[in-house]
């Protein structure tokens, strides 16, 4: 059984006979997309973990792309009816959109086991454990025989619009050069499965020999990495024309470590 943001009003905190629960099937997976409190946030979805595995994409409360201004949201690419529904219940309806995208991307929507979304965001729950990470959505049941705890909370990030899946990488850059500068460092990944756009690794003071780490959610699964593009930029014109390079760049894939 897959629960697509099961309802919160009249169901949260009720006995398991009344609401969806993991006792209802051999395997119950849940996608939480609108789990903020109903009052005052108008959250329509249930908050607690109630399945064998519970996915909280983007933290489970506020979905990216749902904060658009009302006019642009109602006049939606998918039509005025779809846009109006999204305006009223955008976060709630993201659950079925993620699910339908998951059918097309069997390797997408990896959920990372973690105690909280903040810990996930800061990289504490990266990479996937030895047994791997389950895929949110249609292929979640591939993980059915790997569950070894009462409940499993899983976190991931998604895109703002279709196509929704993102793939998580840890990128570590050690700089080389002679002097420190202010600016930013961007990295793009190239691989057999495609190329990513540029992702910012750090900004501020850039010091040679220092190492900077970022967790990036890429819009494409690059597969085997063949090349990494490194760019850095000054925040302002520097008459001394400082030079910076990358002594090393390490890329770790969340999926297969």
Foldseek 3Di string as FASTA:
>chain_A
DEAQQWFDVPPAPDDCVRGPAQVPDLFYEYEAQACDDCVPRNGGGHDDFGTQEYECEVQRHHAAQLPDPLVDQCCDPVHNVNSVVCVVPVRSVVSVVQQVLCVVPVPFQFWFFDPGPVCVQVPVRFAHPPVFTAHPHDRNCVCSVVRDDRYTYTYYYFDNDPVTTWFKKKKKFAKAFDAKAFWWKWKKWAAPFGIFDIDTQDGTIDGHRDMTMHMDTTPTDRDDTDDMDMDIDHPDDDPVPTDMDTPDMDMDGRGND
